[in-house]
Amino acid sequence: MKNINLFTPIKIGSIELKNKIVMAPMTRCRAIGNIPNDLMKDYYEQRASAGLII
């Protein structure tokens, strides 16, 4: 198997990503009554450098 460096840039179609890390959104478990809140904002700010969040 070929070694893949997750921390190198990649281009997928017209989207340029700074790394190959893709993360699913996990804020549903933090939403109170399905309403976005400050905790959700903090969650995504903390993970903004992770790569692509779907």
Protein backbone atom coordinates (compact mmCIF):
# COMPACT_ATOMS: atom_id res chain seq x y z
CA MET A 1 0.00 0.00 0.00
CA LYS A 2 1.26 3.45 -0.88
CA ASN A 3 2.00 5.84 2.00
CA ILE A 4 -0.41 8.79 2.03
CA ASN A 5 0.51 11.95 3.91
CA LEU A 6 -2.73 13.36 5.34
CA PHE A 7 -1.17 16.76 5.92
CA THR A 8 -0.32 17.62 2.30
CA PRO A 9 -2.56 19.80 0.11
CA ILE A 10 -4.97 18.24 -2.38
CA LYS A 11 -7.22 19.58 -5.12
CA ILE A 12 -10.57 17.88 -5.74
CA GLY A 13 -12.20 19.38 -8.81
CA SER A 14 -12.27 23.12 -8.17
CA ILE A 15 -11.88 22.75 -4.39
CA GLU A 16 -8.39 23.20 -2.95
CA LEU A 17 -7.84 21.73 0.51
CA LYS A 18 -4.78 22.33 2.68
CA ASN A 19 -4.83 18.70 3.84
CA LYS A 20 -6.63 15.40 3.25
CA ILE A 21 -8.58 15.30 6.50
CA VAL A 22 -12.37 15.14 6.10
CA MET A 23 -14.70 15.34 9.07
CA ALA A 24 -18.42 14.83 9.47
CA PRO A 25 -20.37 17.57 11.28
CA MET A 26 -21.06 16.61 14.88
CA THR A 27 -23.09 19.55 16.15
CA ARG A 28 -26.46 17.79 16.22
CA CYS A 29 -25.52 16.24 19.54
CA ARG A 30 -24.74 19.73 20.88
CA ALA A 31 -27.84 21.50 19.53
CA ILE A 32 -30.54 22.29 22.02
CA GLY A 33 -33.90 21.83 20.28
CA ASN A 34 -32.13 21.75 16.86
CA ILE A 35 -31.32 25.46 17.20
CA PRO A 36 -27.76 26.64 16.43
CA ASN A 37 -26.04 28.17 19.44
CA ASP A 38 -22.69 29.57 20.62
CA LEU A 39 -21.45 26.09 21.54
CA MET A 40 -21.78 25.06 17.88
CA LYS A 41 -19.88 28.17 16.79
CA ASP A 42 -17.09 27.33 19.21
CA TYR A 43 -17.04 23.71 17.98
CA TYR A 44 -16.42 24.71 14.36
CA GLU A 45 -13.93 27.43 15.27
CA GLN A 46 -11.88 24.83 17.16
CA ARG A 47 -11.90 22.49 14.17
CA ALA A 48 -11.52 25.01 11.33
CA SER A 49 -7.98 23.88 10.60
CA ALA A 50 -8.95 20.19 10.46
CA GLY A 51 -9.63 20.23 6.72
CA LEU A 52 -12.96 19.68 5.00
CA ILE A 53 -16.02 19.55 7.24
CA ILE A 54 -18.97 18.11 5.33
